[in-house]
Amino acid sequence: MTIATKKLTLEEYLAYDDGTNTKYELVDGELVEMPPESDKNNLISLYLLSEFLKLVSIQLIRHKDTEIVVTGARTRVRLPDLMILTEELFRAIGGRRATITQDMPSPALVVEVVSPGKVNSDRDYRYKRSEYAARGISEYWIVDPGNGRVTVLTLIDGLYEEAVFQGSNYIASPTFPDLRLTTAQVLGAGEG
């Protein structure tokens, strides 16, 4: 849901506080309220967090708590489900507000878990895909429970090349080649 306010600058957005725990993204100067995630989506992102903890330090993992400034028609700020930082980016954030600004390095990996509905699908597959590519994020995962697939986008010469994984296929991560997960394991997180 878009909040009807005047168009905000990045600085106004970063200072914005409505006194609630509501999370927002900034899209072309407008606040967009982030609805609560489904339990399924939360379990998937937590499962991925637990798997990445086997490969990287907890300092480098961000789960629904760190925003990233990207560009669109105006400045946009996204709040990914999961991010893996580089050491350089971890040092750049340095204890300040958990916002990755444009002058900071890009994260190593961003994961979005698609919520049901066309608007959410468009946001993850179309808009964030181009925003994250323009931001220089080398690997972007779109985990899509509704369609039973994980799409891994790898940045090559400024554009994403995609690989789609389903069922018992192991997800191939160029950034984390030691990760051994199937799509079924990821999408089945929290089940039986």
Protein backbone atom coordinates (compact mmCIF):
# COMPACT_ATOMS: atom_id res chain seq x y z
CA MET A 1 0.00 0.00 0.00
CA THR A 2 1.37 3.42 -1.00
CA ILE A 3 1.14 6.05 1.72
CA ALA A 4 -0.19 9.36 0.40
CA THR A 5 2.39 11.92 1.37
CA LYS A 6 4.48 14.41 -0.50
CA LYS A 7 7.36 12.96 -2.51
CA LEU A 8 10.22 12.30 -0.12
CA THR A 9 13.89 12.73 -0.75
CA LEU A 10 16.25 10.01 0.41
CA GLU A 11 17.25 12.17 3.38
CA GLU A 12 13.60 12.69 4.37
CA TYR A 13 12.93 8.97 4.06
CA LEU A 14 15.93 8.09 6.22
CA ALA A 15 14.68 10.51 8.89
CA TYR A 16 11.01 9.41 8.61
CA ASP A 17 9.42 7.99 11.74
CA ASP A 18 5.66 7.59 12.09
CA GLY A 19 5.96 6.19 15.62
CA THR A 20 5.00 2.65 14.56
CA ASN A 21 6.93 -0.52 13.75
CA THR A 22 5.66 -0.42 10.16
CA LYS A 23 8.33 -1.10 7.55
CA TYR A 24 8.40 0.90 4.34
CA GLU A 25 10.24 0.91 1.05
CA LEU A 26 10.78 4.16 -0.82
CA VAL A 27 9.64 3.94 -4.44
CA ASP A 28 10.09 7.03 -6.60
CA GLY A 29 9.74 9.27 -3.58
CA GLU A 30 6.65 7.54 -2.16
CA LEU A 31 6.43 5.44 0.99
CA VAL A 32 5.19 1.93 0.25
CA GLU A 33 4.10 -0.02 3.32
CA MET A 34 5.51 -3.52 3.47
CA PRO A 35 2.75 -5.88 4.58
CA PRO A 36 3.56 -8.67 7.01
CA GLU A 37 5.06 -11.73 5.32
CA SER A 38 3.28 -15.05 5.20
CA ASP A 39 4.52 -17.64 7.67
CA LYS A 40 5.70 -19.77 4.70
CA ASN A 41 7.83 -16.93 3.32
CA ASN A 42 9.30 -16.24 6.76
CA LEU A 43 10.23 -19.91 7.18
CA ILE A 44 11.89 -19.99 3.75
CA SER A 45 14.01 -16.92 4.46
CA LEU A 46 14.93 -18.23 7.93
CA TYR A 47 15.87 -21.60 6.45
CA LEU A 48 18.15 -19.89 3.93
CA LEU A 49 19.67 -17.81 6.72
CA SER A 50 20.45 -21.02 8.65
CA GLU A 51 22.06 -22.58 5.56
CA PHE A 52 24.19 -19.51 4.80
CA LEU A 53 25.37 -19.49 8.43
CA LYS A 54 27.24 -22.70 7.54
CA LEU A 55 29.24 -20.76 4.92
CA VAL A 56 29.65 -17.19 6.19
CA SER A 57 29.96 -15.33 9.46
CA ILE A 58 26.74 -14.13 11.10
CA GLN A 59 28.10 -10.56 10.77
CA LEU A 60 27.66 -10.79 7.01
CA ILE A 61 24.02 -11.93 7.01
CA ARG A 62 21.09 -9.54 7.05
CA HIS A 63 17.52 -10.80 7.41
CA LYS A 64 14.68 -8.36 6.67
CA ASP A 65 16.47 -5.65 8.61
CA THR A 66 18.81 -3.82 6.24
CA GLU A 67 17.66 -1.60 3.42
CA ILE A 68 19.51 -0.87 0.20
CA VAL A 69 19.37 2.31 -1.86
CA VAL A 70 18.81 1.62 -5.57
CA THR A 71 17.84 3.90 -8.41
CA GLY A 72 14.66 4.19 -10.41
CA ALA A 73 12.86 7.20 -11.84
CA ARG A 74 13.73 8.70 -8.45
CA THR A 75 15.64 7.16 -5.58
CA ARG A 76 14.29 3.86 -4.34
CA VAL A 77 15.04 2.02 -1.13
CA ARG A 78 14.36 -1.71 -0.95
CA LEU A 79 14.17 -4.02 2.06
CA PRO A 80 15.25 -7.50 0.88
CA ASP A 81 14.30 -10.70 2.67
CA LEU A 82 17.92 -11.80 2.96
CA MET A 83 21.31 -10.32 2.06
CA ILE A 84 24.84 -11.59 2.30
CA LEU A 85 27.31 -8.74 2.71
CA THR A 86 30.93 -8.60 1.67
CA GLU A 87 33.54 -7.87 4.35
CA GLU A 88 34.09 -4.48 2.71
CA LEU A 89 30.38 -3.64 2.92
CA PHE A 90 30.19 -4.81 6.53
CA ARG A 91 32.98 -2.35 7.40
CA ALA A 92 31.28 0.44 5.41
CA ILE A 93 28.00 0.07 7.34
CA GLY A 94 30.08 0.25 10.53
CA GLY A 95 27.38 0.29 13.20
CA ARG A 96 25.33 3.10 11.63
CA ARG A 97 21.71 2.81 10.51
CA ALA A 98 21.30 -0.46 8.61
CA THR A 99 21.08 1.25 5.22
CA ILE A 100 23.35 0.45 2.30
CA THR A 101 23.76 3.76 0.51
CA GLN A 102 24.90 4.31 -3.06
CA ASP A 103 28.44 5.20 -1.98
CA MET A 104 28.88 1.77 -0.34
CA PRO A 105 29.85 -1.49 -2.04
CA SER A 106 27.09 -3.84 -3.16
CA PRO A 107 26.14 -6.95 -1.19
CA ALA A 108 27.39 -10.29 -2.49
CA LEU A 109 23.89 -11.75 -2.70
CA VAL A 110 20.28 -10.62 -2.34
CA VAL A 111 17.34 -13.00 -1.89
CA GLU A 112 13.69 -12.09 -2.35
CA VAL A 113 10.90 -14.53 -1.51
CA VAL A 114 7.91 -13.79 -3.76
CA SER A 115 4.63 -13.12 -1.96
CA PRO A 116 1.38 -14.15 -3.67
CA GLY A 117 -0.12 -11.73 -6.20
CA LYS A 118 0.82 -10.10 -9.50
CA VAL A 119 2.01 -6.85 -7.89
CA ASN A 120 4.49 -8.75 -5.71
CA SER A 121 5.62 -10.92 -8.61
CA ASP A 122 6.19 -7.89 -10.85
CA ARG A 123 8.10 -6.15 -8.06
CA ASP A 124 10.51 -9.08 -7.58
CA TYR A 125 10.83 -10.31 -11.18
CA ARG A 126 10.81 -6.99 -13.05
CA TYR A 127 11.54 -3.92 -10.95
CA LYS A 128 13.97 -5.30 -8.41
CA ARG A 129 15.72 -7.28 -11.13
CA SER A 130 16.63 -4.10 -13.02
CA GLU A 131 17.31 -2.12 -9.84
CA TYR A 132 19.64 -4.75 -8.39
CA ALA A 133 21.46 -5.13 -11.71
CA ALA A 134 21.95 -1.35 -11.92
CA ARG A 135 23.21 -1.42 -8.30
CA GLY A 136 25.83 -4.00 -9.31
CA ILE A 137 24.61 -6.86 -7.11
CA SER A 138 26.41 -9.87 -8.55
CA GLU A 139 23.86 -12.49 -7.53
CA TYR A 140 20.11 -12.15 -6.99
CA TRP A 141 17.81 -15.04 -6.04
CA ILE A 142 14.06 -14.98 -6.60
CA VAL A 143 12.50 -17.72 -4.48
CA ASP A 144 8.99 -18.32 -5.78
CA PRO A 145 6.90 -20.74 -3.68
CA GLY A 146 3.79 -20.16 -5.80
CA ASN A 147 5.52 -21.35 -8.97
CA GLY A 148 7.78 -23.92 -7.30
CA ARG A 149 11.09 -22.51 -8.46
CA VAL A 150 14.21 -20.61 -7.50
CA THR A 151 15.67 -18.26 -10.11
CA VAL A 152 19.33 -17.40 -9.70
CA LEU A 153 20.37 -14.26 -11.56
CA THR A 154 24.08 -13.73 -12.14
CA LEU A 155 25.35 -10.31 -13.19
CA ILE A 156 27.41 -10.51 -16.39
CA ASP A 157 28.46 -7.32 -18.20
CA GLY A 158 25.76 -5.28 -16.43
CA LEU A 159 22.85 -7.64 -17.18
CA TYR A 160 21.48 -10.64 -15.33
CA GLU A 161 21.69 -14.10 -16.83
CA GLU A 162 19.20 -16.44 -15.26
CA ALA A 163 19.14 -20.07 -14.27
CA VAL A 164 15.89 -21.62 -13.02
CA PHE A 165 15.87 -24.51 -10.55
CA GLN A 166 12.93 -26.73 -9.58
CA GLY A 167 12.22 -29.88 -7.59
CA SER A 168 15.27 -31.94 -6.71
CA ASN A 169 17.65 -29.78 -8.79
CA TYR A 170 20.54 -28.41 -6.77
CA ILE A 171 20.64 -24.62 -6.80
CA ALA A 172 23.89 -23.46 -8.43
CA SER A 173 25.26 -20.34 -6.79
CA PRO A 174 28.33 -18.83 -8.49
CA THR A 175 29.07 -16.81 -5.34
CA PHE A 176 28.64 -19.76 -2.97
CA PRO A 177 29.62 -22.90 -4.91
CA ASP A 178 29.75 -24.98 -1.69
CA LEU A 179 26.05 -24.41 -1.00
CA ARG A 180 24.25 -27.74 -1.43
CA LEU A 181 20.51 -27.08 -1.46
CA THR A 182 17.74 -28.31 -3.69
CA THR A 183 14.76 -26.21 -4.63
CA ALA A 184 12.52 -28.73 -2.82
CA GLN A 185 14.51 -28.24 0.41
CA VAL A 186 14.17 -24.46 0.20
CA LEU A 187 10.49 -24.42 -0.72
CA GLY A 188 9.70 -27.12 1.84
CA ALA A 189 11.21 -25.15 4.73
CA GLY A 190 9.23 -25.67 7.91
CA GLU A 191 7.14 -28.55 6.58
CA GLY A 192 6.96 -31.82 8.49
